[in-house]
PDB file of N, CA and C in Angstrom:
ATOM      1  N   MET A   1      -1.420  11.846   3.034  1.00  0.00           N
ATOM      2  CA  MET A   1      -1.299  10.247   2.343  1.00  0.00           C
ATOM      3  C   MET A   1       0.153  10.164   1.393  1.00  0.00           C
ATOM      4  N   ARG A   2       0.628  11.827   0.713  1.00  0.00           N
ATOM      5  CA  ARG A   2       1.555  12.420  -0.141  1.00  0.00           C
ATOM      6  C   ARG A   2       2.786  11.057   0.559  1.00  0.00           C
ATOM      7  N   HIS A   3       3.349  11.213   2.036  1.00  0.00           N
ATOM      8  CA  HIS A   3       4.203  10.436   2.210  1.00  0.00           C
ATOM      9  C   HIS A   3       4.010   9.123   2.552  1.00  0.00           C
ATOM     10  N   LEU A   4       3.316   8.481   2.348  1.00  0.00           N
ATOM     11  CA  LEU A   4       2.399   7.353   2.786  1.00  0.00           C
ATOM     12  C   LEU A   4       2.560   6.601   1.164  1.00  0.00           C
ATOM     13  N   ASN A   5       2.231   7.087   0.359  1.00  0.00           N
ATOM     14  CA  ASN A   5       2.467   6.998  -1.516  1.00  0.00           C
ATOM     15  C   ASN A   5       3.720   6.623  -1.418  1.00  0.00           C
ATOM     16  N   ASP A   6       5.166   7.744  -1.146  1.00  0.00           N
ATOM     17  CA  ASP A   6       6.290   7.568  -1.282  1.00  0.00           C
ATOM     18  C   ASP A   6       6.852   6.401  -0.490  1.00  0.00           C
ATOM     19  N   ALA A   7       6.696   6.176   0.971  1.00  0.00           N
ATOM     20  CA  ALA A   7       7.090   5.021   1.665  1.00  0.00           C
ATOM     21  C   ALA A   7       7.025   3.835   0.494  1.00  0.00           C
ATOM     22  N   GLN A   8       5.430   3.413   0.074  1.00  0.00           N
ATOM     23  CA  GLN A   8       5.053   2.217  -0.801  1.00  0.00           C
ATOM     24  C   GLN A   8       6.352   2.235  -1.767  1.00  0.00           C
ATOM     25  N   ASP A   9       6.084   3.054  -2.397  1.00  0.00           N
ATOM     26  CA  ASP A   9       6.708   3.307  -3.642  1.00  0.00           C
ATOM     27  C   ASP A   9       8.417   2.901  -3.434  1.00  0.00           C
ATOM     28  N   LYS A  10       8.855   3.490  -2.397  1.00  0.00           N
ATOM     29  CA  LYS A  10      10.367   2.754  -1.709  1.00  0.00           C
ATOM     30  C   LYS A  10       9.884   1.058  -1.372  1.00  0.00           C
ATOM     31  N   VAL A  11       9.834   1.072  -1.185  1.00  0.00           N
ATOM     32  CA  VAL A  11       9.842  -0.593  -0.615  1.00  0.00           C
ATOM     33  C   VAL A  11       8.995  -1.630  -1.997  1.00  0.00           C
ATOM     34  N   ARG A  12       8.397  -0.729  -3.075  1.00  0.00           N
ATOM     35  CA  ARG A  12       8.646  -1.155  -4.449  1.00  0.00           C
ATOM     36  C   ARG A  12       9.883  -1.509  -4.895  1.00  0.00           C
ATOM     37  N   LYS A  13      10.322  -0.458  -5.113  1.00  0.00           N
ATOM     38  CA  LYS A  13      11.522  -0.386  -5.534  1.00  0.00           C
ATOM     39  C   LYS A  13      12.858  -0.706  -5.164  1.00  0.00           C
ATOM     40  N   SER A  14      12.423  -1.037  -3.492  1.00  0.00           N
ATOM     41  CA  SER A  14      13.635  -2.088  -3.166  1.00  0.00           C
ATOM     42  C   SER A  14      13.707  -3.139  -3.438  1.00  0.00           C
ATOM     43  N   ASP A  15      12.440  -3.895  -3.583  1.00  0.00           N
ATOM     44  CA  ASP A  15      12.445  -5.755  -3.801  1.00  0.00           C
ATOM     45  C   ASP A  15      12.303  -5.572  -5.076  1.00  0.00           C
ATOM     46  N   ARG A  16      12.270  -4.526  -6.127  1.00  0.00           N
ATOM     47  CA  ARG A  16      12.061  -4.731  -7.272  1.00  0.00           C
ATOM     48  C   ARG A  16      13.999  -5.213  -7.587  1.00  0.00           C
ATOM     49  N   ALA A  17      14.754  -3.888  -6.677  1.00  0.00           N
ATOM     50  CA  ALA A  17      15.974  -4.253  -7.103  1.00  0.00           C
ATOM     51  C   ALA A  17      16.578  -5.789  -6.702  1.00  0.00           C
ATOM     52  N   LEU A  18      15.702  -6.496  -5.475  1.00  0.00           N
ATOM     53  CA  LEU A  18      15.995  -7.698  -5.480  1.00  0.00           C
ATOM     54  C   LEU A  18      16.153  -8.557  -6.415  1.00  0.00           C
ATOM     55  N   LEU A  19      15.058  -8.408  -7.199  1.00  0.00           N
ATOM     56  CA  LEU A  19      14.430  -9.649  -8.246  1.00  0.00           C
ATOM     57  C   LEU A  19      15.319  -9.418  -9.886  1.00  0.00           C
ATOM     58  N   SER A  20      15.035  -9.942 -10.673  1.00  0.00           N
ATOM     59  CA  SER A  20      15.407 -10.574 -11.671  1.00  0.00           C
ATOM     60  C   SER A  20      14.715 -11.115 -12.538  1.00  0.00           C
ATOM     61  N   GLY A  21      14.491 -10.382 -13.748  1.00  0.00           N
ATOM     62  CA  GLY A  21      14.106 -11.582 -14.839  1.00  0.00           C
ATOM     63  C   GLY A  21      12.606 -10.854 -15.079  1.00  0.00           C
ATOM     64  N   LYS A  22      11.821 -11.888 -15.080  1.00  0.00           N
ATOM     65  CA  LYS A  22       9.771 -11.670 -15.493  1.00  0.00           C
ATOM     66  C   LYS A  22       9.819 -11.122 -13.522  1.00  0.00           C
ATOM     67  N   ALA A  23       9.812 -12.013 -12.582  1.00  0.00           N
ATOM     68  CA  ALA A  23       9.549 -11.020 -11.269  1.00  0.00           C
ATOM     69  C   ALA A  23       9.057  -9.593 -11.388  1.00  0.00           C
ATOM     70  N   ARG A  24      11.368  -9.001 -12.110  1.00  0.00           N
ATOM     71  CA  ARG A  24      11.543  -7.546 -11.743  1.00  0.00           C
ATOM     72  C   ARG A  24      10.446  -6.707 -12.645  1.00  0.00           C
ATOM     73  N   ARG A  25      10.332  -7.212 -13.913  1.00  0.00           N
ATOM     74  CA  ARG A  25       8.946  -6.833 -14.831  1.00  0.00           C
ATOM     75  C   ARG A  25       7.777  -6.367 -14.051  1.00  0.00           C
ATOM     76  N   TYR A  26       7.491  -7.610 -13.442  1.00  0.00           N
ATOM     77  CA  TYR A  26       6.358  -7.735 -12.825  1.00  0.00           C
ATOM     78  C   TYR A  26       6.080  -6.681 -11.855  1.00  0.00           C
ATOM     79  N   ILE A  27       7.072  -6.379 -10.607  1.00  0.00           N
ATOM     80  CA  ILE A  27       6.950  -5.547 -10.042  1.00  0.00           C
ATOM     81  C   ILE A  27       7.027  -4.080 -10.579  1.00  0.00           C
ATOM     82  N   LYS A  28       7.639  -4.006 -12.001  1.00  0.00           N
ATOM     83  CA  LYS A  28       8.199  -2.647 -12.367  1.00  0.00           C
ATOM     84  C   LYS A  28       6.772  -2.031 -13.073  1.00  0.00           C
ATOM     85  N   GLY A  29       6.222  -2.755 -13.497  1.00  0.00           N
ATOM     86  CA  GLY A  29       5.008  -1.942 -14.050  1.00  0.00           C
ATOM     87  C   GLY A  29       3.433  -1.979 -13.609  1.00  0.00           C
ATOM     88  N   HIS A  30       3.251  -2.025 -11.757  1.00  0.00           N
ATOM     89  CA  HIS A  30       2.115  -2.060 -11.379  1.00  0.00           C
ATOM     90  C   HIS A  30       2.432  -0.818  -9.968  1.00  0.00           C
ATOM     91  N   LYS A  31       3.442  -0.145 -10.646  1.00  0.00           N
ATOM     92  CA  LYS A  31       3.378   1.406  -9.901  1.00  0.00           C
ATOM     93  C   LYS A  31       2.003   2.136  -9.316  1.00  0.00           C
ATOM     94  N   TYR A  32       1.280   2.073 -10.715  1.00  0.00           N
ATOM     95  CA  TYR A  32       0.149   2.963 -10.455  1.00  0.00           C
ATOM     96  C   TYR A  32      -1.194   1.929  -9.740  1.00  0.00           C
ATOM     97  N   VAL A  33      -0.882   1.400 -10.039  1.00  0.00           N
ATOM     98  CA  VAL A  33      -1.758  -0.005  -9.388  1.00  0.00           C
ATOM     99  C   VAL A  33      -2.103   0.080  -7.809  1.00  0.00           C
ATOM    100  N   LEU A  34      -0.638   0.079  -7.461  1.00  0.00           N
ATOM    101  CA  LEU A  34      -0.277   0.431  -5.889  1.00  0.00           C
ATOM    102  C   LEU A  34      -0.967   1.643  -5.419  1.00  0.00           C
ATOM    103  N   LEU A  35      -0.638   2.653  -6.175  1.00  0.00           N
ATOM    104  CA  LEU A  35      -0.514   3.885  -6.247  1.00  0.00           C
ATOM    105  C   LEU A  35      -2.341   4.556  -6.015  1.00  0.00           C
ATOM    106  N   SER A  36      -3.179   3.732  -6.257  1.00  0.00           N
ATOM    107  CA  SER A  36      -4.537   3.919  -6.721  1.00  0.00           C
ATOM    108  C   SER A  36      -5.001   3.298  -5.148  1.00  0.00           C
ATOM    109  N   HIS A  37      -6.617   3.667  -5.196  1.00  0.00           N
ATOM    110  CA  HIS A  37      -7.429   3.541  -3.975  1.00  0.00           C
ATOM    111  C   HIS A  37      -8.143   2.272  -4.983  1.00  0.00           C
ATOM    112  N   ARG A  38      -8.011   0.618  -3.926  1.00  0.00           N
ATOM    113  CA  ARG A  38      -8.914   0.000  -4.710  1.00  0.00           C
ATOM    114  C   ARG A  38     -10.141  -0.099  -5.266  1.00  0.00           C
ATOM    115  N   GLU A  39     -11.030   1.417  -4.788  1.00  0.00           N
ATOM    116  CA  GLU A  39     -12.563   1.063  -5.278  1.00  0.00           C
ATOM    117  C   GLU A  39     -12.083   1.556  -6.692  1.00  0.00           C
ATOM    118  N   ASN A  40     -11.162   2.626  -7.084  1.00  0.00           N
ATOM    119  CA  ASN A  40     -10.685   3.411  -7.721  1.00  0.00           C
ATOM    120  C   ASN A  40     -10.440   2.462  -9.379  1.00  0.00           C
ATOM    121  N   LEU A  41     -10.108   1.320  -8.830  1.00  0.00           N
ATOM    122  CA  LEU A  41      -9.417   0.379  -9.971  1.00  0.00           C
ATOM    123  C   LEU A  41     -10.348   0.022 -10.954  1.00  0.00           C
ATOM    124  N   THR A  42     -10.389  -0.860 -12.147  1.00  0.00           N
ATOM    125  CA  THR A  42     -10.852  -1.711 -13.131  1.00  0.00           C
ATOM    126  C   THR A  42     -10.631  -3.122 -12.498  1.00  0.00           C
ATOM    127  N   ALA A  43     -11.923  -4.097 -12.834  1.00  0.00           N
ATOM    128  CA  ALA A  43     -12.011  -5.439 -12.536  1.00  0.00           C
ATOM    129  C   ALA A  43     -10.234  -5.986 -13.058  1.00  0.00           C
ATOM    130  N   ASP A  44      -9.605  -5.908 -13.872  1.00  0.00           N
ATOM    131  CA  ASP A  44      -8.351  -6.219 -14.145  1.00  0.00           C
ATOM    132  C   ASP A  44      -6.952  -5.609 -13.355  1.00  0.00           C
ATOM    133  N   GLY A  45      -7.873  -4.173 -13.138  1.00  0.00           N
ATOM    134  CA  GLY A  45      -6.440  -3.581 -12.214  1.00  0.00           C
ATOM    135  C   GLY A  45      -6.634  -4.141 -10.653  1.00  0.00           C
ATOM    136  N   ARG A  46      -7.818  -4.570 -10.050  1.00  0.00           N
ATOM    137  CA  ARG A  46      -8.308  -5.464  -8.906  1.00  0.00           C
ATOM    138  C   ARG A  46      -7.336  -6.720  -8.720  1.00  0.00           C
ATOM    139  N   GLN A  47      -7.711  -7.419 -10.389  1.00  0.00           N
ATOM    140  CA  GLN A  47      -6.937  -8.759 -10.085  1.00  0.00           C
ATOM    141  C   GLN A  47      -5.356  -8.373 -10.542  1.00  0.00           C
ATOM    142  N   SER A  48      -4.598  -7.785 -10.771  1.00  0.00           N
ATOM    143  CA  SER A  48      -3.627  -7.362 -10.838  1.00  0.00           C
ATOM    144  C   SER A  48      -2.320  -6.575  -9.419  1.00  0.00           C
ATOM    145  N   LEU A  49      -3.716  -6.558  -8.509  1.00  0.00           N
ATOM    146  CA  LEU A  49      -3.120  -5.651  -7.460  1.00  0.00           C
ATOM    147  C   LEU A  49      -3.298  -6.830  -6.125  1.00  0.00           C
ATOM    148  N   LYS A  50      -4.077  -7.833  -6.133  1.00  0.00           N
ATOM    149  CA  LYS A  50      -4.613  -8.671  -5.624  1.00  0.00           C
ATOM    150  C   LYS A  50      -3.114  -9.444  -5.814  1.00  0.00           C
ATOM    151  N   ALA A  51      -2.555 -10.042  -7.583  1.00  0.00           N
ATOM    152  CA  ALA A  51      -1.775 -11.065  -7.373  1.00  0.00           C
ATOM    153  C   ALA A  51      -0.469 -10.406  -7.332  1.00  0.00           C
ATOM    154  N   LEU A  52      -0.354  -8.935  -7.155  1.00  0.00           N
ATOM    155  CA  LEU A  52       0.691  -8.334  -6.389  1.00  0.00           C
ATOM    156  C   LEU A  52       1.094  -8.795  -5.214  1.00  0.00           C
ATOM    157  N   LEU A  53       0.057  -7.993  -4.794  1.00  0.00           N
ATOM    158  CA  LEU A  53       0.151  -8.237  -3.261  1.00  0.00           C
ATOM    159  C   LEU A  53       0.718  -9.939  -2.938  1.00  0.00           C
ATOM    160  N   ALA A  54      -0.185 -10.870  -3.051  1.00  0.00           N
ATOM    161  CA  ALA A  54       0.007 -11.959  -2.975  1.00  0.00           C
ATOM    162  C   ALA A  54       1.365 -12.239  -3.287  1.00  0.00           C
ATOM    163  N   ALA A  55       2.082 -12.077  -3.809  1.00  0.00           N
ATOM    164  CA  ALA A  55       3.108 -12.461  -4.252  1.00  0.00           C
ATOM    165  C   ALA A  55       4.533 -11.458  -3.370  1.00  0.00           C
ATOM    166  N   ASN A  56       3.683 -10.753  -2.646  1.00  0.00           N
ATOM    167  CA  ASN A  56       5.134 -10.089  -2.241  1.00  0.00           C
ATOM    168  C   ASN A  56       4.312  -9.406  -1.085  1.00  0.00           C
ATOM    169  N   LYS A  57       5.110  -9.915   0.163  1.00  0.00           N
ATOM    170  CA  LYS A  57       4.887  -9.559   1.434  1.00  0.00           C
ATOM    171  C   LYS A  57       4.737  -8.251   2.498  1.00  0.00           C
ATOM    172  N   ARG A  58       6.328  -8.384   2.008  1.00  0.00           N
ATOM    173  CA  ARG A  58       6.462  -6.756   2.306  1.00  0.00           C
ATOM    174  C   ARG A  58       5.832  -5.644   1.648  1.00  0.00           C
ATOM    175  N   LEU A  59       5.153  -5.345   0.272  1.00  0.00           N
ATOM    176  CA  LEU A  59       4.067  -4.737  -0.890  1.00  0.00           C
ATOM    177  C   LEU A  59       3.368  -4.585   0.305  1.00  0.00           C
ATOM    178  N   ASN A  60       2.467  -5.872   0.620  1.00  0.00           N
ATOM    179  CA  ASN A  60       1.502  -6.098   0.808  1.00  0.00           C
ATOM    180  C   ASN A  60       1.197  -5.564   2.297  1.00  0.00           C
ATOM    181  N   THR A  61       2.391  -5.189   3.410  1.00  0.00           N
ATOM    182  CA  THR A  61       1.882  -4.731   4.076  1.00  0.00           C
ATOM    183  C   THR A  61       2.170  -3.349   4.356  1.00  0.00           C
ATOM    184  N   ALA A  62       2.833  -2.424   3.413  1.00  0.00           N
ATOM    185  CA  ALA A  62       2.951  -1.577   2.831  1.00  0.00           C
ATOM    186  C   ALA A  62       1.646  -0.775   2.296  1.00  0.00           C
ATOM    187  N   TYR A  63       1.048  -1.573   1.645  1.00  0.00           N
ATOM    188  CA  TYR A  63      -0.110  -1.357   0.801  1.00  0.00           C
ATOM    189  C   TYR A  63      -1.366  -1.247   1.902  1.00  0.00           C
ATOM    190  N   LEU A  64      -1.660  -2.429   2.767  1.00  0.00           N
ATOM    191  CA  LEU A  64      -2.183  -2.323   4.316  1.00  0.00           C
ATOM    192  C   LEU A  64      -3.109  -1.454   5.442  1.00  0.00           C
ATOM    193  N   LEU A  65      -1.287  -1.050   5.500  1.00  0.00           N
ATOM    194  CA  LEU A  65      -0.968   0.308   6.352  1.00  0.00           C
ATOM    195  C   LEU A  65      -1.525   1.245   5.429  1.00  0.00           C
ATOM    196  N   LYS A  66      -0.724   1.546   4.329  1.00  0.00           N
ATOM    197  CA  LYS A  66      -1.157   2.960   3.562  1.00  0.00           C
ATOM    198  C   LYS A  66      -2.757   3.338   3.752  1.00  0.00           C
ATOM    199  N   GLU A  67      -3.588   2.067   3.227  1.00  0.00           N
ATOM    200  CA  GLU A  67      -4.896   1.914   2.839  1.00  0.00           C
ATOM    201  C   GLU A  67      -5.836   1.979   4.067  1.00  0.00           C
ATOM    202  N   SER A  68      -4.896   1.715   5.272  1.00  0.00           N
ATOM    203  CA  SER A  68      -6.015   1.420   6.637  1.00  0.00           C
ATOM    204  C   SER A  68      -5.354   2.719   6.793  1.00  0.00           C
ATOM    205  N   PHE A  69      -4.930   3.633   6.879  1.00  0.00           N
ATOM    206  CA  PHE A  69      -4.744   4.987   7.254  1.00  0.00           C
ATOM    207  C   PHE A  69      -5.501   6.546   6.781  1.00  0.00           C
ATOM    208  N   GLY A  70      -6.112   5.801   5.587  1.00  0.00           N
ATOM    209  CA  GLY A  70      -7.059   6.439   5.407  1.00  0.00           C
ATOM    210  C   GLY A  70      -7.981   6.243   6.342  1.00  0.00           C
ATOM    211  N   GLN A  71      -8.974   6.103   7.152  1.00  0.00           N
ATOM    212  CA  GLN A  71      -9.679   5.506   7.925  1.00  0.00           C
ATOM    213  C   GLN A  71      -9.298   6.935   9.066  1.00  0.00           C
ATOM    214  N   LEU A  72      -8.427   6.940   9.237  1.00  0.00           N
ATOM    215  CA  LEU A  72      -8.126   8.816   9.976  1.00  0.00           C
ATOM    216  C   LEU A  72      -9.300   9.671   9.567  1.00  0.00           C
ATOM    217  N   TRP A  73      -9.858  10.005   8.319  1.00  0.00           N
ATOM    218  CA  TRP A  73     -10.532  11.206   7.926  1.00  0.00           C
ATOM    219  C   TRP A  73     -12.112  10.965   7.824  1.00  0.00           C
ATOM    220  N   ASP A  74     -12.001   9.295   8.413  1.00  0.00           N
ATOM    221  CA  ASP A  74     -13.443   9.576   9.138  1.00  0.00           C
ATOM    222  C   ASP A  74     -14.040   9.412  10.669  1.00  0.00           C
ATOM    223  N   TYR A  75     -12.902   9.794  10.934  1.00  0.00           N
ATOM    224  CA  TYR A  75     -13.737  10.170  12.269  1.00  0.00           C
ATOM    225  C   TYR A  75     -14.080  11.672  12.439  1.00  0.00           C
ATOM    226  N   LYS A  76     -15.012  11.500  13.346  1.00  0.00           N
ATOM    227  CA  LYS A  76     -15.411  13.055  13.926  1.00  0.00           C
ATOM    228  C   LYS A  76     -14.891  13.804  14.764  1.00  0.00           C
ATOM    229  N   SER A  77     -15.036  12.816  16.009  1.00  0.00           N
ATOM    230  CA  SER A  77     -14.385  13.607  17.421  1.00  0.00           C
ATOM    231  C   SER A  77     -12.590  12.807  17.062  1.00  0.00           C
ATOM    232  N   GLU A  78     -11.899  14.136  17.381  1.00  0.00           N
ATOM    233  CA  GLU A  78     -10.687  14.081  17.601  1.00  0.00           C
ATOM    234  C   GLU A  78      -9.900  13.095  18.604  1.00  0.00           C
ATOM    235  N   ALA A  79     -11.176  12.764  19.845  1.00  0.00           N
ATOM    236  CA  ALA A  79     -10.210  11.863  20.872  1.00  0.00           C
ATOM    237  C   ALA A  79     -10.231  10.985  20.207  1.00  0.00           C
ATOM    238  N   TRP A  80     -10.918  10.312  19.216  1.00  0.00           N
ATOM    239  CA  TRP A  80     -11.028   9.022  18.685  1.00  0.00           C
ATOM    240  C   TRP A  80     -10.222   9.262  17.327  1.00  0.00           C
ATOM    241  N   ALA A  81      -9.872   9.909  16.389  1.00  0.00           N
ATOM    242  CA  ALA A  81      -9.603  10.286  15.137  1.00  0.00           C
ATOM    243  C   ALA A  81      -7.701  10.193  16.490  1.00  0.00           C
ATOM    244  N   ARG A  82      -7.707  10.677  17.284  1.00  0.00           N
ATOM    245  CA  ARG A  82      -6.006  10.439  18.157  1.00  0.00           C
ATOM    246  C   ARG A  82      -6.164   8.938  18.481  1.00  0.00           C
ATOM    247  N   LYS A  83      -6.842   8.183  18.826  1.00  0.00           N
ATOM    248  CA  LYS A  83      -6.750   7.175  19.320  1.00  0.00           C
ATOM    249  C   LYS A  83      -6.732   5.751  18.358  1.00  0.00           C
ATOM    250  N   PHE A  84      -7.427   6.556  17.131  1.00  0.00           N
ATOM    251  CA  PHE A  84      -6.974   5.566  15.794  1.00  0.00           C
ATOM    252  C   PHE A  84      -5.074   5.436  15.328  1.00  0.00           C
ATOM    253  N   PHE A  85      -5.219   6.917  15.516  1.00  0.00           N
ATOM    254  CA  PHE A  85      -3.747   6.999  15.292  1.00  0.00           C
ATOM    255  C   PHE A  85      -2.915   6.564  15.956  1.00  0.00           C
ATOM    256  N   GLU A  86      -2.374   6.591  17.269  1.00  0.00           N
ATOM    257  CA  GLU A  86      -2.148   5.242  18.346  1.00  0.00           C
ATOM    258  C   GLU A  86      -2.207   3.984  17.959  1.00  0.00           C
ATOM    259  N   ASN A  87      -3.321   3.785  17.758  1.00  0.00           N
ATOM    260  CA  ASN A  87      -2.957   2.331  17.360  1.00  0.00           C
ATOM    261  C   ASN A  87      -2.359   1.734  15.940  1.00  0.00           C
ATOM    262  N   TRP A  88      -2.749   3.241  15.382  1.00  0.00           N
ATOM    263  CA  TRP A  88      -1.960   2.730  13.371  1.00  0.00           C
ATOM    264  C   TRP A  88      -0.279   2.927  13.569  1.00  0.00           C
ATOM    265  N   LYS A  89       0.163   3.990  14.326  1.00  0.00           N
ATOM    266  CA  LYS A  89       1.398   4.305  14.496  1.00  0.00           C
ATOM    267  C   LYS A  89       2.304   2.682  15.412  1.00  0.00           C
ATOM    268  N   ALA A  90       1.317   2.363  16.209  1.00  0.00           N
ATOM    269  CA  ALA A  90       1.855   0.896  16.950  1.00  0.00           C
ATOM    270  C   ALA A  90       2.028  -0.202  15.705  1.00  0.00           C
ATOM    271  N   SER A  91       0.995  -0.003  15.043  1.00  0.00           N
ATOM    272  CA  SER A  91       0.935  -1.360  13.690  1.00  0.00           C
ATOM    273  C   SER A  91       2.481  -0.906  12.909  1.00  0.00           C
ATOM    274  N   LEU A  92       3.390   0.235  12.759  1.00  0.00           N
ATOM    275  CA  LEU A  92       4.323   0.019  12.208  1.00  0.00           C
ATOM    276  C   LEU A  92       5.707  -0.845  12.787  1.00  0.00           C
ATOM    277  N   LYS A  93       5.388  -0.980  14.105  1.00  0.00           N
ATOM    278  CA  LYS A  93       6.428  -1.263  14.356  1.00  0.00           C
ATOM    279  C   LYS A  93       6.154  -3.130  14.333  1.00  0.00           C
TER     280      LYS A  93
END
């Protein structure tokens, strides 16, 4: 999960570098909102996350991939976990 958080942060930083003014400041202030799990956020945090992800497609994709990977730990069977991982890995393309 640490590597996924790092990759997501790289996407955030690269997108921030392409922007200027108000849009750049908006992305810059939301690092920890992106790193947190949605269920651990306050109502304001959830609204900020929703607005940020709606405004930035690449960041939305990175966030969804990171969050969906967490399902891997819910599998009891190694075979199902491997199948999930292979499908998740294919979705990276």
